[in-house]
């Protein structure tokens, strides 16, 4: 996987979500099916929509730093 998650910066559930999000983003953008799967995963992991938004923002910000 191309993302690096700082140990201890996120909960185990958040790290799991970030890993799944990074995998989905390998093609460059999410389709509606990917988004639905991520929404279901976030619900199963009890991650709020606001937190999902932050996690995805954090991921994109870190990808820009790598470029």
Protein backbone atom coordinates (compact mmCIF):
# COMPACT_ATOMS: atom_id res chain seq x y z
CA UNK A 1 0.00 0.00 0.00
CA UNK A 2 1.10 3.47 -0.77
CA UNK A 3 -0.10 5.26 2.33
CA UNK A 4 1.83 5.54 5.57
CA UNK A 5 -0.14 5.78 8.77
CA UNK A 6 1.58 7.19 11.82
CA UNK A 7 1.39 4.60 14.60
CA UNK A 8 -0.77 5.77 17.45
CA UNK A 9 -2.23 8.70 15.50
CA UNK A 10 -5.45 6.86 14.72
CA UNK A 11 -7.56 4.19 16.36
CA UNK A 12 -7.40 0.66 15.01
CA UNK A 13 -10.78 1.19 13.35
CA UNK A 14 -9.63 4.44 11.74
CA UNK A 15 -6.45 2.77 10.50
CA UNK A 16 -8.54 -0.01 9.01
CA UNK A 17 -10.72 2.53 7.23
CA UNK A 18 -7.67 4.42 5.94
CA UNK A 19 -6.13 1.24 4.57
CA UNK A 20 -9.36 0.40 2.75
CA UNK A 21 -9.65 3.96 1.45
CA UNK A 22 -6.04 3.88 0.19
CA UNK A 23 -6.71 0.60 -1.60
CA UNK A 24 -9.85 2.04 -3.22
CA UNK A 25 -7.92 5.14 -4.31
CA UNK A 26 -5.24 3.16 -6.16
CA UNK A 27 -7.16 3.77 -9.40
CA UNK A 28 -7.21 7.50 -8.74
CA UNK A 29 -10.86 8.13 -7.96
CA UNK A 30 -13.81 6.48 -6.31
CA UNK A 31 -16.88 5.33 -8.16
CA UNK A 32 -20.32 5.17 -6.54
CA UNK A 33 -19.89 1.49 -5.65
CA UNK A 34 -16.55 2.20 -3.91
CA UNK A 35 -18.12 5.07 -1.99
CA UNK A 36 -21.04 2.91 -0.85
CA UNK A 37 -18.66 0.20 0.35
CA UNK A 38 -16.63 2.78 2.29
CA UNK A 39 -19.79 4.22 3.84
CA UNK A 40 -20.84 0.76 4.98
CA UNK A 41 -17.40 0.08 6.41
CA UNK A 42 -17.40 3.37 8.30
CA UNK A 43 -20.81 2.53 9.77
CA UNK A 44 -19.62 -0.95 10.79
CA UNK A 45 -16.54 0.59 12.42
CA UNK A 46 -18.63 3.30 14.15
CA UNK A 47 -16.76 6.11 12.44
CA UNK A 48 -18.84 9.26 12.06
CA UNK A 49 -19.27 10.94 8.68
CA UNK A 50 -17.36 13.97 9.98
CA UNK A 51 -14.46 11.77 11.04
CA UNK A 52 -14.50 9.98 7.67
CA UNK A 53 -14.25 13.37 5.99
CA UNK A 54 -11.23 14.24 8.15
CA UNK A 55 -9.54 10.86 7.54
CA UNK A 56 -9.93 11.19 3.79
CA UNK A 57 -8.70 14.80 3.92
CA UNK A 58 -5.67 13.64 5.93
CA UNK A 59 -4.95 10.87 3.41
CA UNK A 60 -5.12 13.25 0.44
CA UNK A 61 -2.91 15.79 2.24
CA UNK A 62 -0.28 13.14 2.92
CA UNK A 63 -0.37 11.97 -0.70
CA UNK A 64 0.43 15.52 -1.82
CA UNK A 65 3.44 15.62 0.51
CA UNK A 66 4.80 12.47 -1.17
CA UNK A 67 4.54 13.97 -4.66
